[in-house]
N, C-alpha and C. Protein backbone atom coordinates (compact mmCIF):
# COMPACT_ATOMS: atom_id res chain seq x y z
N UNK A 1 -116.74 -0.10 -168.68
CA UNK A 1 -116.84 -0.49 -170.07
C UNK A 1 -116.54 0.71 -170.95
N UNK A 2 -115.75 0.51 -171.99
CA UNK A 2 -115.38 1.56 -172.92
C UNK A 2 -116.51 1.77 -173.93
N UNK A 3 -116.99 2.99 -174.03
CA UNK A 3 -118.12 3.28 -174.92
C UNK A 3 -117.63 3.55 -176.34
N UNK A 4 -118.29 2.98 -177.31
CA UNK A 4 -117.92 3.16 -178.72
C UNK A 4 -118.56 4.45 -179.22
N UNK A 5 -117.75 5.35 -179.82
CA UNK A 5 -118.28 6.65 -180.27
C UNK A 5 -119.12 6.53 -181.53
N UNK A 6 -120.00 7.50 -181.73
CA UNK A 6 -120.78 7.58 -182.98
C UNK A 6 -119.87 8.03 -184.10
N UNK A 7 -120.26 7.73 -185.33
CA UNK A 7 -119.50 8.13 -186.51
C UNK A 7 -119.53 9.65 -186.64
N UNK A 8 -118.36 10.31 -186.78
CA UNK A 8 -118.36 11.77 -186.93
C UNK A 8 -118.87 12.22 -188.30
N UNK A 9 -118.91 11.33 -189.26
CA UNK A 9 -119.36 11.69 -190.60
C UNK A 9 -120.88 11.67 -190.73
N UNK A 10 -121.50 10.57 -190.32
CA UNK A 10 -122.96 10.43 -190.48
C UNK A 10 -123.71 10.34 -189.16
N UNK A 11 -122.99 10.39 -188.04
CA UNK A 11 -123.57 10.27 -186.69
C UNK A 11 -124.24 8.93 -186.45
N UNK A 12 -123.87 7.92 -187.22
CA UNK A 12 -124.42 6.58 -187.06
C UNK A 12 -123.95 5.93 -185.76
N UNK A 13 -124.77 5.06 -185.21
CA UNK A 13 -124.47 4.40 -183.94
C UNK A 13 -123.92 2.98 -184.13
N UNK A 14 -123.79 2.51 -185.36
CA UNK A 14 -123.38 1.13 -185.64
C UNK A 14 -121.88 0.97 -185.79
N UNK A 15 -121.07 1.85 -185.22
CA UNK A 15 -119.63 1.76 -185.38
C UNK A 15 -119.05 0.59 -184.59
N UNK A 16 -117.90 0.11 -185.04
CA UNK A 16 -117.20 -0.96 -184.34
C UNK A 16 -115.71 -0.74 -184.44
N UNK A 17 -114.95 -1.32 -183.51
CA UNK A 17 -113.50 -1.17 -183.47
C UNK A 17 -112.87 -2.29 -184.30
N UNK A 18 -111.96 -1.90 -185.22
CA UNK A 18 -111.37 -2.85 -186.15
C UNK A 18 -109.90 -3.13 -185.83
N UNK A 19 -109.50 -2.99 -184.61
CA UNK A 19 -108.12 -3.26 -184.24
C UNK A 19 -107.31 -1.99 -184.08
N UNK A 20 -107.39 -1.07 -185.04
CA UNK A 20 -106.65 0.19 -184.95
C UNK A 20 -107.54 1.40 -185.15
N UNK A 21 -108.64 1.23 -185.88
CA UNK A 21 -109.56 2.33 -186.16
C UNK A 21 -110.99 1.90 -185.89
N UNK A 22 -111.86 2.89 -185.71
CA UNK A 22 -113.28 2.63 -185.64
C UNK A 22 -113.84 2.70 -187.06
N UNK A 23 -114.81 1.85 -187.37
CA UNK A 23 -115.38 1.78 -188.72
C UNK A 23 -116.89 1.94 -188.61
N UNK A 24 -117.46 2.72 -189.53
CA UNK A 24 -118.91 2.88 -189.61
C UNK A 24 -119.40 2.09 -190.82
N UNK A 25 -120.18 1.03 -190.64
CA UNK A 25 -120.65 0.24 -191.77
C UNK A 25 -121.70 0.97 -192.61
N UNK A 26 -122.34 2.00 -192.06
CA UNK A 26 -123.37 2.74 -192.79
C UNK A 26 -122.78 3.60 -193.91
N UNK A 27 -121.67 4.31 -193.60
CA UNK A 27 -121.09 5.23 -194.61
C UNK A 27 -119.66 4.84 -194.99
N UNK A 28 -119.13 3.75 -194.43
CA UNK A 28 -117.78 3.24 -194.71
C UNK A 28 -116.69 4.21 -194.29
N UNK A 29 -116.96 5.05 -193.30
CA UNK A 29 -115.98 6.01 -192.79
C UNK A 29 -115.15 5.34 -191.71
N UNK A 30 -113.81 5.45 -191.82
CA UNK A 30 -112.90 4.94 -190.80
C UNK A 30 -112.33 6.13 -190.05
N UNK A 31 -112.26 6.04 -188.73
CA UNK A 31 -111.79 7.18 -187.96
C UNK A 31 -111.14 6.75 -186.66
N UNK A 32 -110.28 7.62 -186.17
CA UNK A 32 -109.67 7.50 -184.87
C UNK A 32 -110.31 8.59 -184.01
N UNK A 33 -110.99 8.26 -182.93
CA UNK A 33 -111.72 9.29 -182.18
C UNK A 33 -110.81 10.39 -181.63
N UNK A 34 -109.56 10.07 -181.29
CA UNK A 34 -108.64 11.09 -180.78
C UNK A 34 -108.26 12.07 -181.89
N UNK A 35 -107.95 11.58 -183.09
CA UNK A 35 -107.58 12.44 -184.21
C UNK A 35 -108.78 13.24 -184.69
N UNK A 36 -109.97 12.64 -184.68
CA UNK A 36 -111.17 13.34 -185.12
C UNK A 36 -111.48 14.50 -184.19
N UNK A 37 -111.20 14.33 -182.91
CA UNK A 37 -111.43 15.39 -181.95
C UNK A 37 -110.46 16.55 -182.20
N UNK A 38 -109.21 16.25 -182.53
CA UNK A 38 -108.23 17.30 -182.83
C UNK A 38 -108.62 18.05 -184.09
N UNK A 39 -109.08 17.33 -185.13
CA UNK A 39 -109.47 17.97 -186.38
C UNK A 39 -110.68 18.88 -186.19
N UNK A 40 -111.63 18.46 -185.35
CA UNK A 40 -112.83 19.25 -185.13
C UNK A 40 -112.52 20.56 -184.43
N UNK A 41 -111.53 20.56 -183.55
CA UNK A 41 -111.19 21.77 -182.82
C UNK A 41 -110.27 22.68 -183.61
N UNK A 42 -109.68 22.18 -184.67
CA UNK A 42 -108.74 22.96 -185.46
C UNK A 42 -109.47 23.69 -186.59
N UNK A 43 -109.57 25.03 -186.48
CA UNK A 43 -110.17 25.84 -187.52
C UNK A 43 -109.12 26.65 -188.24
N UNK A 44 -107.92 26.10 -188.35
CA UNK A 44 -106.81 26.79 -188.98
C UNK A 44 -106.60 26.22 -190.38
N UNK A 45 -106.49 27.10 -191.36
CA UNK A 45 -106.24 26.66 -192.73
C UNK A 45 -104.78 26.21 -192.84
N UNK A 46 -104.58 25.01 -193.37
CA UNK A 46 -103.24 24.46 -193.54
C UNK A 46 -103.05 23.98 -194.97
N UNK A 47 -101.82 24.13 -195.48
CA UNK A 47 -101.53 23.68 -196.84
C UNK A 47 -101.28 22.18 -196.85
N UNK A 48 -100.87 21.64 -197.99
CA UNK A 48 -100.68 20.20 -198.13
C UNK A 48 -99.56 19.66 -197.24
N UNK A 49 -98.61 20.52 -196.84
CA UNK A 49 -97.52 20.10 -195.97
C UNK A 49 -97.79 20.36 -194.50
N UNK A 50 -98.95 20.95 -194.19
CA UNK A 50 -99.30 21.21 -192.80
C UNK A 50 -98.92 22.60 -192.31
N UNK A 51 -98.37 23.45 -193.18
CA UNK A 51 -98.02 24.82 -192.78
C UNK A 51 -99.28 25.66 -192.68
N UNK A 52 -99.33 26.52 -191.67
CA UNK A 52 -100.49 27.36 -191.45
C UNK A 52 -100.56 28.47 -192.51
N UNK A 53 -101.74 28.67 -193.07
CA UNK A 53 -101.95 29.70 -194.08
C UNK A 53 -102.61 30.92 -193.45
N UNK A 54 -102.22 32.11 -193.93
CA UNK A 54 -102.77 33.37 -193.44
C UNK A 54 -103.24 34.19 -194.64
N UNK A 55 -104.09 35.20 -194.37
CA UNK A 55 -104.51 36.12 -195.43
C UNK A 55 -103.28 36.81 -196.02
N UNK A 56 -103.24 36.90 -197.35
CA UNK A 56 -102.14 37.59 -198.02
C UNK A 56 -100.95 36.73 -198.35
N UNK A 57 -100.95 35.46 -197.94
CA UNK A 57 -99.83 34.57 -198.25
C UNK A 57 -99.75 34.29 -199.75
N UNK A 58 -98.57 33.92 -200.20
CA UNK A 58 -98.37 33.46 -201.57
C UNK A 58 -98.18 31.95 -201.51
N UNK A 59 -98.88 31.23 -202.39
CA UNK A 59 -98.83 29.77 -202.41
C UNK A 59 -98.57 29.29 -203.83
N UNK A 60 -98.23 28.01 -203.94
CA UNK A 60 -97.98 27.37 -205.23
C UNK A 60 -98.91 26.17 -205.38
N UNK A 61 -99.47 25.98 -206.56
CA UNK A 61 -100.35 24.85 -206.85
C UNK A 61 -99.47 23.62 -207.07
N UNK A 62 -99.82 22.49 -206.44
CA UNK A 62 -98.98 21.29 -206.52
C UNK A 62 -99.49 20.26 -207.52
N UNK A 63 -100.61 20.54 -208.20
CA UNK A 63 -101.19 19.57 -209.11
C UNK A 63 -101.98 20.32 -210.18
N UNK A 64 -102.02 19.82 -211.41
CA UNK A 64 -102.87 20.42 -212.44
C UNK A 64 -104.32 20.31 -212.00
N UNK A 65 -105.04 21.44 -212.04
CA UNK A 65 -106.43 21.47 -211.59
C UNK A 65 -107.33 21.94 -212.72
N UNK A 66 -108.36 21.17 -213.02
CA UNK A 66 -109.37 21.58 -214.00
C UNK A 66 -110.39 22.45 -213.27
N UNK A 67 -110.77 23.57 -213.87
CA UNK A 67 -111.74 24.47 -213.27
C UNK A 67 -113.12 24.06 -213.75
N UNK A 68 -114.02 23.77 -212.79
CA UNK A 68 -115.37 23.35 -213.15
C UNK A 68 -116.09 24.47 -213.87
N UNK A 69 -116.82 24.13 -214.91
CA UNK A 69 -117.62 25.11 -215.63
C UNK A 69 -116.85 25.89 -216.67
N UNK A 70 -115.59 25.57 -216.89
CA UNK A 70 -114.82 26.25 -217.93
C UNK A 70 -113.77 25.29 -218.48
N UNK A 71 -113.11 25.72 -219.54
CA UNK A 71 -112.06 24.88 -220.14
C UNK A 71 -110.69 25.23 -219.56
N UNK A 72 -110.66 26.10 -218.56
CA UNK A 72 -109.41 26.56 -217.95
C UNK A 72 -108.76 25.46 -217.11
N UNK A 73 -107.45 25.37 -217.18
CA UNK A 73 -106.69 24.43 -216.36
C UNK A 73 -105.62 25.24 -215.63
N UNK A 74 -105.55 25.06 -214.31
CA UNK A 74 -104.51 25.71 -213.52
C UNK A 74 -103.34 24.74 -213.46
N UNK A 75 -102.22 25.12 -214.04
CA UNK A 75 -101.07 24.23 -214.15
C UNK A 75 -100.32 24.09 -212.83
N UNK A 76 -99.69 22.95 -212.67
CA UNK A 76 -98.84 22.69 -211.51
C UNK A 76 -97.71 23.72 -211.50
N UNK A 77 -97.41 24.27 -210.33
CA UNK A 77 -96.34 25.25 -210.21
C UNK A 77 -96.82 26.69 -210.33
N UNK A 78 -98.11 26.89 -210.61
CA UNK A 78 -98.65 28.25 -210.70
C UNK A 78 -98.56 28.91 -209.34
N UNK A 79 -97.99 30.12 -209.31
CA UNK A 79 -97.89 30.87 -208.06
C UNK A 79 -99.11 31.75 -207.91
N UNK A 80 -99.72 31.69 -206.74
CA UNK A 80 -100.91 32.47 -206.43
C UNK A 80 -100.55 33.42 -205.30
N UNK A 81 -100.70 34.72 -205.56
CA UNK A 81 -100.34 35.73 -204.56
C UNK A 81 -101.58 36.21 -203.84
N UNK A 82 -101.40 36.68 -202.63
CA UNK A 82 -102.41 37.27 -201.76
C UNK A 82 -103.73 36.49 -201.72
N UNK A 83 -103.65 35.32 -201.12
CA UNK A 83 -104.85 34.51 -200.92
C UNK A 83 -105.70 35.12 -199.80
N UNK A 84 -106.98 34.78 -199.80
CA UNK A 84 -107.89 35.20 -198.74
C UNK A 84 -108.52 33.95 -198.13
N UNK A 85 -108.51 33.87 -196.82
CA UNK A 85 -109.11 32.73 -196.13
C UNK A 85 -110.63 32.85 -196.17
N UNK A 86 -111.32 31.72 -196.19
CA UNK A 86 -112.78 31.69 -196.19
C UNK A 86 -113.25 31.15 -194.84
N UNK A 87 -114.56 31.03 -194.69
CA UNK A 87 -115.12 30.46 -193.46
C UNK A 87 -114.76 28.99 -193.32
N UNK A 88 -114.56 28.31 -194.45
CA UNK A 88 -114.18 26.90 -194.46
C UNK A 88 -112.65 26.83 -194.43
N UNK A 89 -112.03 26.20 -193.41
CA UNK A 89 -110.57 26.14 -193.35
C UNK A 89 -109.94 25.27 -194.43
N UNK A 90 -110.73 24.55 -195.21
CA UNK A 90 -110.19 23.72 -196.29
C UNK A 90 -110.18 24.44 -197.63
N UNK A 91 -110.62 25.71 -197.67
CA UNK A 91 -110.69 26.45 -198.92
C UNK A 91 -110.11 27.84 -198.76
N UNK A 92 -109.50 28.35 -199.85
CA UNK A 92 -109.03 29.73 -199.89
C UNK A 92 -109.55 30.38 -201.17
N UNK A 93 -109.74 31.68 -201.10
CA UNK A 93 -110.22 32.46 -202.24
C UNK A 93 -109.02 33.18 -202.84
N UNK A 94 -108.92 33.23 -204.17
CA UNK A 94 -107.79 33.89 -204.81
C UNK A 94 -108.19 34.33 -206.22
N UNK A 95 -107.29 35.06 -206.87
CA UNK A 95 -107.49 35.45 -208.25
C UNK A 95 -106.38 34.85 -209.10
N UNK A 96 -106.79 34.18 -210.18
CA UNK A 96 -105.84 33.62 -211.14
C UNK A 96 -106.27 34.08 -212.52
N UNK A 97 -105.39 34.76 -213.23
CA UNK A 97 -105.67 35.30 -214.56
C UNK A 97 -106.93 36.17 -214.56
N UNK A 98 -107.14 36.94 -213.50
CA UNK A 98 -108.28 37.84 -213.43
C UNK A 98 -109.58 37.19 -213.00
N UNK A 99 -109.59 35.89 -212.81
CA UNK A 99 -110.80 35.19 -212.38
C UNK A 99 -110.71 34.87 -210.89
N UNK A 100 -111.78 35.17 -210.15
CA UNK A 100 -111.84 34.84 -208.74
C UNK A 100 -112.18 33.36 -208.60
N UNK A 101 -111.32 32.60 -207.91
CA UNK A 101 -111.46 31.15 -207.82
C UNK A 101 -111.26 30.72 -206.37
N UNK A 102 -112.01 29.70 -205.94
CA UNK A 102 -111.83 29.10 -204.63
C UNK A 102 -111.06 27.80 -204.83
N UNK A 103 -109.94 27.66 -204.12
CA UNK A 103 -109.11 26.47 -204.23
C UNK A 103 -109.09 25.71 -202.91
N UNK A 104 -108.98 24.39 -203.00
CA UNK A 104 -108.83 23.56 -201.81
C UNK A 104 -107.38 23.66 -201.32
N UNK A 105 -107.20 23.75 -200.00
CA UNK A 105 -105.86 23.91 -199.44
C UNK A 105 -105.00 22.66 -199.62
N UNK A 106 -105.61 21.50 -199.86
CA UNK A 106 -104.83 20.27 -200.04
C UNK A 106 -104.06 20.27 -201.36
N UNK A 107 -104.35 21.21 -202.26
CA UNK A 107 -103.63 21.30 -203.53
C UNK A 107 -102.66 22.47 -203.55
N UNK A 108 -102.37 23.05 -202.38
CA UNK A 108 -101.49 24.21 -202.29
C UNK A 108 -100.33 23.94 -201.36
N UNK A 109 -99.21 24.64 -201.60
CA UNK A 109 -98.09 24.62 -200.65
C UNK A 109 -97.56 26.03 -200.53
N UNK A 110 -97.11 26.36 -199.34
CA UNK A 110 -96.63 27.69 -199.03
C UNK A 110 -95.24 27.90 -199.60
C-alpha cells in the first residue's frame, strides 16, 4: 500500500491525493512529494529565472517594490551590485541608495 505523506507546510496528517497533487485540507497547501523533497534539499539561492546567485553578484529588480516602513519604492530595472547571501536561500542582503535592504530572490534576475 502506498503511504500518503504528511503536509510539508503544517505537518498535518489529513492529506489526500487529488489526481496530480497531494492536498492538505487543514492549510490548503498543494504539493508534489517528489518536488518538495528536491526543494528541501536545495539550499542554493536562485533568482526568478532559476540562475544560481553567489556573493558579490549584480542583479536587476524585475518589479516595482514598496519598502515596508518607508515611502521608498525600488523601481523595476534597478541594478543592485554586490549582493550578500543570507542564511535563508530566498533572501539576499544589499544596499540601495545607502540603505541596507533584504530582498526576496523571486523579484531579482541575474
